[in-house]
Amino acid sequence: MALMSYADSALSIFPPLVAITLAIVTRKVLISLGLGILMGILMLTNFSLSGTFFEVIDRATGLVWDGSGLALWNIYTVSFLLCMGALMALISVSGGTRALAQWAHQRIASARDAKLMTIFLGLIVFIDDYFNALLVGNVARPVTDHYKISREKLAYCIDSTSAPICVISPISTWGAYIMSLLAGILVANEVVEYSALSAFVSMIPLNYYALVSFGLLLCVAVMRLDIGPMASAEYRAQKGKLWDPAKGLPPGEDVGLPEAETGKVFNFVGPLLLLVALVIGLMMYSGASGLAANGEAFTLIGALENADGAWAMAASGIVTVAFTVALLMVQGVPTAHIGQAFVKGLQSMLPAVYILLMAWTIAGVIGDLETGKYLASLASGNLPSAFVPVLAFLIAAAAAFSTGTSYGTFAIMLPIAANMAFHLDAELLMPAMAAVLAGGVFGDHCSPISDTTILSSTGSGCHHIDHVATQLPYALLAALVSMASYFTVGLTGSLLAGLGVALVGLVLVVLVLRRLASTSTQGSEKLAH
């Protein structure tokens, strides 16, 4: 049946708003997402019960079969997630996790160093945000667990070095995607002084949220600026409870598996190094194949733009799991232990898979409601040019928060921001588009239905809503500083003035957090209970 259109209606915001609010208030993510999906589909079918029933069935099957064939991206992503669960359980059985923790205990002197190690890993694994979140979380977890760092703090470290780093890295799947959008915008607006790559690079110092949120992360890690829910989580972790035990085991957590006494650090590092090499190699291979099919010469950016990242990660995960099983058999680990680890590893990822499938479903519903287009339409009308960058930031943030997708937000908002700049002040073209990228990442950081946020929780072994709640105060503070910077750029047209405001704002935020952190620490015991 024909679906209703809500492109010009504020009602399009209602289903995602209900889902997000319920998820935060009730902390029951699946039920909240389900109600949001049901509400959205009822609206799309004009509240037809039979139409809603068949639409629900259609969307459920569409997660696997999109009408023209298998929904390969979804299948590959879920496959990689399951492979990571099985892989980390197998590594645990090999004794590799314990060996790495012992190795780290001898070389990493403090909890601060463990957090800085996690951040450093996030900086160097910038090829893809999904890959970053799952790989860095699983590598760092044994080390941060040893130093009693809460899983919430680990998730914050991961989330603030995945999307914020990918969005300013031209050599990443994000960079390639953004440059493909920029190329079309530049051509449509007859901008000849920039190439897509040079435009992307010029926007890096203008992406204030990515820069400020990463700077704030470093300060929080080094100075222990723990406030509110994060302070409570850190206090609880110091008492030996790395996650909230009242909520059960978080996704990706394996407890009770036997561990081989002969485990070495290589049992942990070897499979993961193989995984990284395979992912990068297969991404380049798929990208090169895409270029060759189009008759284009190989370039690194072109290969990333044409790479099938989901296929590369799924294939790499399967090969790495097979390699690890073979390694365990050579090591002499009993077959029963290997089978037990494999099954428990898959089972440990099922809660994350369910949340991810529901998030994809509500993203599709929100897309059909055209929530993003409605939010983007708010940018139309007459306004002073000084407000263009900050308005682009706010609307992009609202769109990403409501839809749970940065990619979709970029596709909708970048052309609109460019048009706003050209009609009001062409000098604001790069700041306005950079503000869209920044707002997309900010909204993504705050949204419980964001796939990046879901996978950051999963990679760290943290309960999803706990990660959202503990990260939110820091994301909001970074966003406030970013808004001041974008307003400054809009008012002065000066990149340096915007950076200056960002730096001063970051310093002020740190000073306030230092004062609040001492208060939060004093009250955290009460909050923890």
Protein backbone atom coordinates (compact mmCIF):
# COMPACT_ATOMS: atom_id res chain seq x y z
CA MET A 1 0.00 0.00 0.00
CA ALA A 2 1.06 3.63 -0.52
CA LEU A 3 2.75 5.15 2.51
CA MET A 4 1.78 8.52 3.97
CA SER A 5 4.25 11.41 3.61
CA TYR A 6 5.28 13.52 6.61
CA ALA A 7 8.11 15.49 4.95
CA ASP A 8 6.48 18.82 5.90
CA SER A 9 5.12 17.78 9.28
CA ALA A 10 6.57 18.03 12.76
CA LEU A 11 4.79 14.73 13.44
CA SER A 12 7.71 13.00 11.67
CA ILE A 13 9.81 13.66 14.78
CA PHE A 14 7.35 11.90 17.10
CA PRO A 15 8.30 8.17 16.65
CA PRO A 16 12.09 8.61 17.09
CA LEU A 17 11.51 11.02 19.97
CA VAL A 18 9.28 8.50 21.74
CA ALA A 19 11.73 5.64 21.14
CA ILE A 20 14.73 7.62 22.38
CA THR A 21 12.94 9.05 25.42
CA LEU A 22 11.59 5.66 26.48
CA ALA A 23 15.00 4.04 26.00
CA ILE A 24 16.64 6.58 28.28
CA VAL A 25 13.87 6.61 30.90
CA THR A 26 13.05 2.90 31.04
CA ARG A 27 16.51 1.59 29.97
CA LYS A 28 14.66 -1.12 28.02
CA VAL A 29 16.11 -0.50 24.58
CA LEU A 30 14.40 -3.24 22.58
CA ILE A 31 10.92 -2.47 23.86
CA SER A 32 11.44 1.26 23.33
CA LEU A 33 12.69 0.77 19.78
CA GLY A 34 9.82 -1.62 19.07
CA LEU A 35 7.24 0.94 20.21
CA GLY A 36 8.91 3.63 18.11
CA ILE A 37 8.86 1.35 15.07
CA LEU A 38 5.21 0.43 15.61
CA MET A 39 4.19 4.06 16.06
CA GLY A 40 6.06 5.10 12.91
CA ILE A 41 4.53 2.33 10.80
CA LEU A 42 1.04 3.15 12.09
CA MET A 43 1.57 6.72 10.92
CA LEU A 44 2.93 5.62 7.54
CA THR A 45 -0.07 3.33 6.91
CA ASN A 46 -2.57 5.97 8.10
CA PHE A 47 -3.30 3.82 11.17
CA SER A 48 -4.49 0.84 9.15
CA LEU A 49 -4.12 -2.26 11.34
CA SER A 50 -3.89 -4.68 8.40
CA GLY A 51 -1.52 -2.36 6.57
CA THR A 52 0.62 -2.06 9.70
CA PHE A 53 0.77 -5.84 10.12
CA PHE A 54 2.00 -6.45 6.56
CA GLU A 55 4.38 -3.49 6.72
CA VAL A 56 5.97 -4.88 9.90
CA ILE A 57 6.43 -8.28 8.21
CA ASP A 58 7.88 -6.59 5.11
CA ARG A 59 10.40 -4.58 7.11
CA ALA A 60 11.41 -7.57 9.23
CA THR A 61 12.13 -9.66 6.13
CA GLY A 62 13.75 -6.64 4.49
CA LEU A 63 16.59 -6.85 7.01
CA VAL A 64 17.67 -10.03 5.19
CA TRP A 65 16.03 -9.69 1.78
CA ASP A 66 15.52 -6.23 0.28
CA GLY A 67 13.23 -7.28 -2.59
CA SER A 68 15.92 -7.49 -5.25
CA GLY A 69 18.28 -9.78 -3.40
CA LEU A 70 19.96 -10.39 -0.07
CA ALA A 71 20.49 -7.32 2.13
CA LEU A 72 24.21 -8.04 2.05
CA TRP A 73 25.39 -5.03 4.04
CA ASN A 74 23.19 -6.01 6.98
CA ILE A 75 24.18 -9.67 6.74
CA TYR A 76 27.89 -8.88 6.53
CA THR A 77 27.74 -6.47 9.48
CA VAL A 78 25.91 -8.96 11.71
CA SER A 79 28.31 -11.69 10.60
CA PHE A 80 31.29 -9.59 11.62
CA LEU A 81 29.71 -8.83 14.98
CA LEU A 82 29.12 -12.54 15.64
CA CYS A 83 32.64 -13.38 14.48
CA MET A 84 34.06 -10.88 16.97
CA GLY A 85 32.09 -12.52 19.77
CA ALA A 86 33.34 -15.98 18.80
CA LEU A 87 36.90 -14.73 18.26
CA MET A 88 37.22 -13.09 21.67
CA ALA A 89 35.75 -16.16 23.41
CA LEU A 90 38.24 -18.41 21.57
CA ILE A 91 41.10 -16.09 22.53
CA SER A 92 39.93 -16.23 26.14
CA VAL A 93 39.95 -20.05 26.09
CA SER A 94 43.46 -20.00 24.61
CA GLY A 95 44.70 -18.12 27.67
CA GLY A 96 45.60 -15.15 25.49
CA THR A 97 43.42 -12.66 27.38
CA ARG A 98 45.02 -13.55 30.71
CA ALA A 99 48.50 -13.47 29.16
CA LEU A 100 47.89 -9.99 27.74
CA ALA A 101 46.65 -8.74 31.12
CA GLN A 102 49.80 -10.09 32.79
CA TRP A 103 51.98 -8.51 30.08
CA ALA A 104 50.23 -5.18 30.48
CA HIS A 105 50.58 -5.30 34.26
CA GLN A 106 54.36 -5.38 33.82
CA ARG A 107 54.50 -2.54 31.28
CA ILE A 108 51.51 -0.26 31.86
CA ALA A 109 51.99 1.41 35.17
CA SER A 110 48.61 2.94 35.94
CA ALA A 111 44.95 3.29 35.03
CA ARG A 112 45.79 6.57 33.30
CA ASP A 113 48.26 4.77 31.04
CA ALA A 114 45.65 2.11 30.26
CA LYS A 115 43.19 4.81 29.16
CA LEU A 116 45.85 6.57 27.09
CA MET A 117 46.70 3.23 25.45
CA THR A 118 43.04 2.83 24.49
CA ILE A 119 42.93 6.33 23.03
CA PHE A 120 46.16 5.72 21.08
CA LEU A 121 44.72 2.53 19.60
CA GLY A 122 41.63 4.48 18.59
CA LEU A 123 43.82 6.99 16.80
CA ILE A 124 45.66 4.43 14.71
CA VAL A 125 42.66 2.21 13.86
CA PHE A 126 40.91 4.88 11.81
CA ILE A 127 39.97 2.91 8.69
CA ASP A 128 36.32 2.40 9.76
CA ASP A 129 34.23 3.33 12.79
CA TYR A 130 32.63 -0.11 13.19
CA PHE A 131 36.00 -1.81 12.98
CA ASN A 132 37.49 0.73 15.38
CA ALA A 133 34.79 0.27 18.00
CA LEU A 134 34.86 -3.53 18.06
CA LEU A 135 38.61 -4.04 17.67
CA VAL A 136 39.87 -1.38 20.09
CA GLY A 137 37.29 -2.34 22.71
CA ASN A 138 38.26 -5.99 22.68
CA VAL A 139 41.99 -5.26 22.69
CA ALA A 140 41.86 -2.71 25.50
CA ARG A 141 39.31 -4.46 27.70
CA PRO A 142 41.68 -6.92 29.46
CA VAL A 143 44.03 -4.03 30.28
CA THR A 144 41.40 -1.59 31.51
CA ASP A 145 39.71 -4.38 33.48
CA HIS A 146 43.00 -5.05 35.25
CA TYR A 147 43.15 -1.44 36.42
CA LYS A 148 39.46 -1.40 37.41
CA ILE A 149 38.38 1.12 34.80
CA SER A 150 34.63 1.00 34.33
CA ARG A 151 33.27 -0.34 31.08
CA GLU A 152 31.41 2.97 30.72
CA LYS A 153 34.71 4.86 30.73
CA LEU A 154 36.15 2.40 28.21
CA ALA A 155 33.11 2.90 25.96
CA TYR A 156 33.54 6.68 26.20
CA CYS A 157 37.20 6.37 25.19
CA ILE A 158 36.23 4.20 22.22
CA ASP A 159 33.27 6.27 21.01
CA SER A 160 35.25 9.51 21.16
CA THR A 161 38.07 8.07 19.05
CA SER A 162 36.02 6.29 16.42
CA ALA A 163 33.61 8.62 14.61
CA PRO A 164 35.48 11.84 15.60
CA ILE A 165 38.73 10.47 14.15
CA CYS A 166 37.14 8.82 11.10
CA VAL A 167 35.26 12.02 10.20
CA ILE A 168 38.50 14.03 9.92
CA SER A 169 40.57 11.28 8.29
CA PRO A 170 40.57 11.32 4.47
CA ILE A 171 41.97 7.77 4.49
CA SER A 172 38.90 6.13 5.98
CA THR A 173 35.52 4.86 4.84
CA TRP A 174 33.97 8.02 6.30
CA GLY A 175 36.42 10.27 4.49
CA ALA A 176 35.82 8.54 1.17
CA TYR A 177 32.03 8.76 1.61
CA ILE A 178 32.12 12.43 2.57
CA MET A 179 34.40 13.28 -0.36
CA SER A 180 32.00 11.55 -2.75
CA LEU A 181 29.24 13.86 -1.45
CA LEU A 182 31.50 16.91 -1.63
CA ALA A 183 32.41 16.17 -5.25
CA GLY A 184 28.76 16.41 -6.30
CA ILE A 185 28.16 19.56 -4.26
CA LEU A 186 31.20 21.34 -5.71
CA VAL A 187 30.17 20.48 -9.27
CA ALA A 188 26.54 21.49 -8.70
CA ASN A 189 27.62 24.88 -7.33
CA GLU A 190 30.38 25.37 -9.93
CA VAL A 191 33.13 25.60 -7.31
CA VAL A 192 36.43 25.13 -9.16
CA GLU A 193 38.99 26.30 -6.59
CA TYR A 194 38.57 23.13 -4.52
CA SER A 195 38.79 19.44 -5.32
CA ALA A 196 36.83 17.05 -3.13
CA LEU A 197 40.04 16.10 -1.30
CA SER A 198 41.25 19.68 -0.78
CA ALA A 199 37.77 20.70 0.41
CA PHE A 200 37.75 17.83 2.91
CA VAL A 201 41.23 18.72 4.20
CA SER A 202 40.30 22.40 4.55
CA MET A 203 37.32 21.38 6.69
CA ILE A 204 39.39 19.37 9.20
CA PRO A 205 40.37 22.37 11.41
CA LEU A 206 36.77 23.59 11.15
CA ASN A 207 35.33 20.37 12.59
CA TYR A 208 35.24 21.82 16.08
CA TYR A 209 33.19 19.10 17.72
CA ALA A 210 35.59 16.35 16.64
CA LEU A 211 38.58 18.37 17.87
CA VAL A 212 37.01 19.55 21.13
CA SER A 213 35.50 16.18 22.04
CA PHE A 214 38.84 14.47 21.50
CA GLY A 215 40.66 17.16 23.52
CA LEU A 216 38.11 16.79 26.30
CA LEU A 217 38.55 13.01 26.24
CA LEU A 218 42.30 13.40 26.80
CA CYS A 219 41.69 15.73 29.74
CA VAL A 220 39.09 13.40 31.27
CA ALA A 221 41.46 10.43 30.92
CA VAL A 222 44.48 12.19 32.39
CA MET A 223 42.81 14.33 35.07
CA ARG A 224 40.00 11.94 36.05
CA LEU A 225 37.29 14.51 35.38
CA ASP A 226 34.48 12.12 36.29
CA ILE A 227 31.09 13.68 36.93
CA GLY A 228 27.54 12.44 37.41
CA PRO A 229 26.86 8.91 36.11
CA MET A 230 30.50 8.49 35.05
CA ALA A 231 31.73 9.22 38.58
CA SER A 232 29.28 6.66 39.95
CA ALA A 233 30.43 4.08 37.39
CA GLU A 234 34.11 4.67 38.20
CA TYR A 235 33.47 4.37 41.92
CA ARG A 236 31.58 1.12 41.35
CA ALA A 237 34.45 -0.20 39.20
CA GLN A 238 36.95 0.51 41.98
CA LYS A 239 34.85 -1.79 44.13
CA GLY A 240 35.32 -4.55 41.55
CA LYS A 241 32.07 -4.13 39.62
CA LEU A 242 33.18 -3.13 36.13
CA TRP A 243 29.58 -2.95 34.89
CA ASP A 244 26.23 -2.68 36.65
CA PRO A 245 25.54 -6.26 37.81
CA ALA A 246 21.84 -5.47 38.33
CA LYS A 247 21.44 -5.38 34.54
CA GLY A 248 23.04 -8.78 33.92
CA LEU A 249 25.94 -9.54 31.62
CA PRO A 250 26.61 -6.92 28.93
CA PRO A 251 26.92 -8.03 25.28
CA GLY A 252 30.28 -9.54 24.44
CA GLU A 253 31.08 -10.59 28.00
CA ASP A 254 32.17 -14.18 28.49
CA VAL A 255 32.25 -15.49 32.04
CA GLY A 256 33.01 -19.03 33.12
CA LEU A 257 35.00 -20.22 30.09
CA PRO A 258 38.01 -22.42 30.82
CA GLU A 259 41.42 -20.88 30.08
CA ALA A 260 44.49 -22.80 28.91
CA GLU A 261 47.51 -22.54 31.17
CA THR A 262 49.83 -22.41 28.14
CA GLY A 263 48.40 -19.18 26.74
CA LYS A 264 50.82 -16.60 25.35
CA VAL A 265 50.47 -12.96 24.36
CA PHE A 266 50.59 -14.16 20.73
CA ASN A 267 47.32 -16.03 21.31
CA PHE A 268 45.72 -12.60 21.75
CA VAL A 269 47.79 -10.42 19.44
CA GLY A 270 48.27 -12.86 16.56
CA PRO A 271 44.60 -13.30 15.55
CA LEU A 272 43.88 -9.58 15.90
CA LEU A 273 46.88 -8.57 13.79
CA LEU A 274 45.70 -11.04 11.17
CA LEU A 275 42.22 -9.52 11.37
CA VAL A 276 43.53 -5.97 10.85
CA ALA A 277 45.72 -7.02 7.92
CA LEU A 278 42.87 -8.91 6.28
CA VAL A 279 40.36 -6.09 6.69
CA ILE A 280 42.70 -3.49 5.18
CA GLY A 281 43.82 -5.84 2.40
CA LEU A 282 40.31 -6.94 1.45
CA MET A 283 38.98 -3.40 1.55
CA MET A 284 41.70 -2.31 -0.86
CA TYR A 285 41.02 -5.37 -3.03
CA SER A 286 37.28 -4.72 -3.24
CA GLY A 287 37.88 -1.03 -3.88
CA ALA A 288 40.41 -1.74 -6.60
CA SER A 289 37.99 -4.17 -8.22
CA GLY A 290 35.28 -1.51 -8.20
CA LEU A 291 37.60 1.01 -9.83
CA ALA A 292 38.66 -1.51 -12.47
CA ALA A 293 35.03 -2.34 -13.25
CA ASN A 294 34.40 1.36 -13.89
CA GLY A 295 37.54 1.68 -16.02
CA GLU A 296 39.24 3.97 -13.50
CA ALA A 297 42.88 3.95 -12.40
CA PHE A 298 43.72 2.88 -8.85
CA THR A 299 43.99 5.59 -6.20
CA LEU A 300 43.89 5.15 -2.43
CA ILE A 301 40.92 7.50 -1.97
CA GLY A 302 39.14 5.94 -4.95
CA ALA A 303 39.68 2.46 -3.54
CA LEU A 304 38.24 3.48 -0.18
CA GLU A 305 35.27 5.11 -1.86
CA ASN A 306 34.52 1.90 -3.79
CA ALA A 307 35.48 -0.53 -1.02
CA ASP A 308 32.92 -2.96 0.35
CA GLY A 309 33.85 -2.51 3.99
CA ALA A 310 31.11 -4.75 5.40
CA TRP A 311 32.12 -7.67 3.13
CA ALA A 312 35.80 -7.14 3.96
CA MET A 313 35.14 -7.24 7.71
CA ALA A 314 32.84 -10.28 7.51
CA ALA A 315 35.26 -12.27 5.33
CA SER A 316 38.20 -11.26 7.55
CA GLY A 317 36.28 -12.27 10.67
CA ILE A 318 35.47 -15.73 9.30
CA VAL A 319 39.06 -16.37 8.21
CA THR A 320 40.44 -15.12 11.54
CA VAL A 321 38.06 -17.33 13.54
CA ALA A 322 39.13 -20.34 11.46
CA PHE A 323 42.80 -19.45 12.02
CA THR A 324 42.24 -19.11 15.77
CA VAL A 325 40.48 -22.48 15.98
CA ALA A 326 43.44 -24.08 14.17
CA LEU A 327 45.84 -22.33 16.56
CA LEU A 328 43.95 -23.69 19.56
CA MET A 329 44.02 -27.21 18.17
CA VAL A 330 47.79 -26.98 17.66
CA GLN A 331 48.08 -25.62 21.20
CA GLY A 332 46.28 -28.72 22.46
CA VAL A 333 43.13 -27.04 23.76
CA PRO A 334 40.37 -29.67 24.08
CA THR A 335 37.81 -29.67 21.27
CA ALA A 336 34.99 -29.45 23.80
CA HIS A 337 36.45 -26.18 25.15
CA ILE A 338 36.75 -24.78 21.61
CA GLY A 339 33.13 -25.66 20.84
CA GLN A 340 31.94 -24.20 24.13
CA ALA A 341 33.81 -20.95 23.47
CA PHE A 342 32.46 -20.67 19.94
CA VAL A 343 28.84 -21.11 21.02
CA LYS A 344 29.11 -18.81 24.06
CA GLY A 345 30.88 -16.19 21.97
CA LEU A 346 28.04 -16.14 19.45
CA GLN A 347 25.43 -16.07 22.21
CA SER A 348 27.18 -13.17 23.95
CA MET A 349 26.68 -10.99 20.87
CA LEU A 350 22.98 -11.73 20.36
CA PRO A 351 21.71 -8.83 22.55
CA ALA A 352 23.81 -6.39 20.50
CA VAL A 353 22.57 -7.96 17.25
CA TYR A 354 18.94 -7.55 18.36
CA ILE A 355 19.49 -3.89 19.23
CA LEU A 356 21.31 -3.27 15.95
CA LEU A 357 18.53 -4.90 13.90
CA MET A 358 15.92 -2.81 15.68
CA ALA A 359 17.99 0.35 15.18
CA TRP A 360 18.23 -0.36 11.44
CA THR A 361 14.48 -0.95 11.29
CA ILE A 362 13.57 2.30 13.02
CA ALA A 363 16.11 4.10 10.82
CA GLY A 364 14.20 2.82 7.77
CA VAL A 365 10.87 3.91 9.26
CA ILE A 366 12.28 7.34 10.09
CA GLY A 367 13.63 7.58 6.54
CA ASP A 368 10.16 6.94 5.13
CA LEU A 369 8.67 9.48 7.53
CA GLU A 370 11.28 11.89 6.09
CA THR A 371 12.20 13.16 9.54
CA GLY A 372 15.60 14.30 8.28
CA LYS A 373 14.05 16.31 5.44
CA TYR A 374 11.65 18.00 7.83
CA LEU A 375 14.49 18.98 10.16
CA ALA A 376 16.54 20.18 7.19
CA SER A 377 13.60 22.32 6.03
CA LEU A 378 13.91 24.32 9.25
CA ALA A 379 17.08 25.82 7.79
CA SER A 380 15.11 27.60 5.08
CA GLY A 381 14.09 31.23 5.33
CA ASN A 382 15.93 34.47 5.93
CA LEU A 383 18.52 34.61 8.69
CA PRO A 384 21.72 36.55 9.34
CA SER A 385 24.75 34.91 7.71
CA ALA A 386 26.53 34.75 11.07
CA PHE A 387 24.06 32.07 12.16
CA VAL A 388 24.60 29.77 9.17
CA PRO A 389 27.36 27.52 10.65
CA VAL A 390 25.78 27.19 14.10
CA LEU A 391 22.34 26.52 12.58
CA ALA A 392 23.82 23.87 10.29
CA PHE A 393 25.45 22.28 13.36
CA LEU A 394 22.23 22.22 15.39
CA ILE A 395 19.99 20.86 12.62
CA ALA A 396 22.55 18.19 11.66
CA ALA A 397 22.80 17.20 15.33
CA ALA A 398 19.01 16.97 15.63
CA ALA A 399 18.80 14.89 12.45
CA ALA A 400 21.56 12.49 13.52
CA PHE A 401 20.10 12.17 17.02
CA SER A 402 16.62 11.45 15.68
CA THR A 403 17.62 9.12 12.88
CA GLY A 404 20.66 7.45 14.48
CA THR A 405 22.76 7.88 11.33
CA SER A 406 25.56 10.29 10.51
CA TYR A 407 25.78 9.08 6.92
CA GLY A 408 22.14 9.88 6.19
CA THR A 409 22.48 13.24 7.91
CA PHE A 410 25.50 14.14 5.78
CA ALA A 411 23.69 13.18 2.58
CA ILE A 412 20.70 15.39 3.45
CA MET A 413 22.36 18.32 5.18
CA LEU A 414 25.60 18.95 3.26
CA PRO A 415 23.82 20.17 0.08
CA ILE A 416 21.45 22.31 2.19
CA ALA A 417 24.30 23.87 4.16
CA ALA A 418 26.12 24.62 0.90
CA ASN A 419 23.02 26.30 -0.55
CA MET A 420 22.51 28.35 2.62
CA ALA A 421 26.12 29.55 2.45
CA PHE A 422 25.96 30.45 -1.25
CA HIS A 423 22.76 32.45 -0.81
CA LEU A 424 23.96 34.36 2.24
CA ASP A 425 27.77 34.42 2.25
CA ALA A 426 29.87 32.16 0.01
CA GLU A 427 32.83 32.59 2.37
CA LEU A 428 30.94 30.41 4.86
CA LEU A 429 30.77 27.41 2.50
CA MET A 430 33.47 25.36 4.24
CA PRO A 431 32.49 26.33 7.82
CA ALA A 432 28.84 25.47 7.11
CA MET A 433 29.65 22.06 5.64
CA ALA A 434 32.17 21.34 8.41
CA ALA A 435 29.44 22.22 10.93
CA VAL A 436 27.21 19.56 9.34
CA LEU A 437 29.93 16.92 9.81
CA ALA A 438 30.46 18.04 13.40
CA GLY A 439 26.75 18.12 14.20
CA GLY A 440 26.27 14.67 12.68
CA VAL A 441 28.92 13.18 14.96
CA PHE A 442 27.53 15.00 18.01
CA GLY A 443 24.00 13.76 17.37
CA ASP A 444 25.38 10.28 16.75
CA HIS A 445 27.22 10.38 20.10
CA CYS A 446 24.02 11.21 22.00
CA SER A 447 21.57 8.93 20.23
CA PRO A 448 20.63 5.56 21.76
CA ILE A 449 19.58 4.35 18.29
CA SER A 450 22.95 5.12 16.66
CA ASP A 451 24.69 2.03 15.30
CA THR A 452 28.12 3.50 16.15
CA THR A 453 27.03 4.06 19.75
CA ILE A 454 25.61 0.53 19.92
CA LEU A 455 28.86 -1.00 18.66
CA SER A 456 30.99 1.14 21.00
CA SER A 457 28.95 -0.29 23.89
CA THR A 458 29.35 -3.80 22.50
CA GLY A 459 33.09 -3.50 21.89
CA SER A 460 33.66 -2.35 25.45
CA GLY A 461 31.33 -4.90 27.06
CA CYS A 462 29.16 -2.13 28.47
CA HIS A 463 25.39 -1.93 28.89
CA HIS A 464 24.20 0.26 26.03
CA ILE A 465 22.09 2.85 27.85
CA ASP A 466 24.74 3.15 30.58
CA HIS A 467 27.21 4.20 27.88
CA VAL A 468 24.75 6.75 26.48
CA ALA A 469 24.04 8.22 29.93
CA THR A 470 27.68 8.49 31.01
CA GLN A 471 28.91 9.96 27.71
CA LEU A 472 26.09 12.49 27.32
CA PRO A 473 27.38 15.21 29.72
CA TYR A 474 30.78 15.31 27.99
CA ALA A 475 29.20 15.34 24.51
CA LEU A 476 26.92 18.23 25.49
CA LEU A 477 29.82 20.25 26.88
CA ALA A 478 31.87 19.70 23.73
CA ALA A 479 28.84 20.72 21.66
CA LEU A 480 28.39 23.97 23.61
CA VAL A 481 32.01 24.91 22.95
CA SER A 482 31.59 23.97 19.29
CA MET A 483 28.48 26.13 18.94
CA ALA A 484 30.37 29.14 20.32
CA SER A 485 33.16 28.45 17.83
CA TYR A 486 30.77 28.19 14.87
CA PHE A 487 29.04 31.40 15.84
CA THR A 488 32.44 33.09 16.04
CA VAL A 489 33.38 31.85 12.58
CA GLY A 490 30.04 32.99 11.20
CA LEU A 491 30.51 36.42 12.76
CA THR A 492 34.18 36.96 11.87
CA GLY A 493 34.84 34.57 8.98
CA SER A 494 38.11 33.68 10.74
CA LEU A 495 39.21 30.06 11.20
CA LEU A 496 41.78 31.12 13.79
CA ALA A 497 39.15 33.01 15.81
CA GLY A 498 36.98 29.90 15.87
CA LEU A 499 39.91 27.73 16.96
CA GLY A 500 40.77 30.29 19.64
CA VAL A 501 37.25 30.17 21.04
CA ALA A 502 37.35 26.36 20.95
CA LEU A 503 40.60 26.33 22.91
CA VAL A 504 39.40 28.86 25.49
CA GLY A 505 36.09 27.01 25.78
CA LEU A 506 37.85 23.69 26.33
CA VAL A 507 40.01 25.21 29.08
CA LEU A 508 36.93 26.66 30.80
CA VAL A 509 35.10 23.34 30.56
CA VAL A 510 38.06 21.52 32.10
CA LEU A 511 38.24 24.02 34.97
CA VAL A 512 34.52 23.56 35.67
CA LEU A 513 34.81 19.78 35.43
CA ARG A 514 37.71 19.74 37.89
CA ARG A 515 35.52 21.48 40.44
CA LEU A 516 32.52 19.26 39.71
CA ALA A 517 34.63 16.08 39.72
CA SER A 518 35.62 16.51 43.34
CA THR A 519 31.97 16.96 44.32
CA SER A 520 30.89 13.97 42.23
CA THR A 521 33.60 11.79 43.76
CA GLN A 522 32.41 12.66 47.26
CA GLY A 523 28.83 11.74 46.38
CA SER A 524 29.53 8.78 44.13
CA GLU A 525 29.22 6.15 46.84
CA LYS A 526 25.61 7.17 47.42
CA LEU A 527 24.94 7.25 43.66
CA ALA A 528 26.52 3.84 43.17
CA HIS A 529 23.95 2.35 45.48
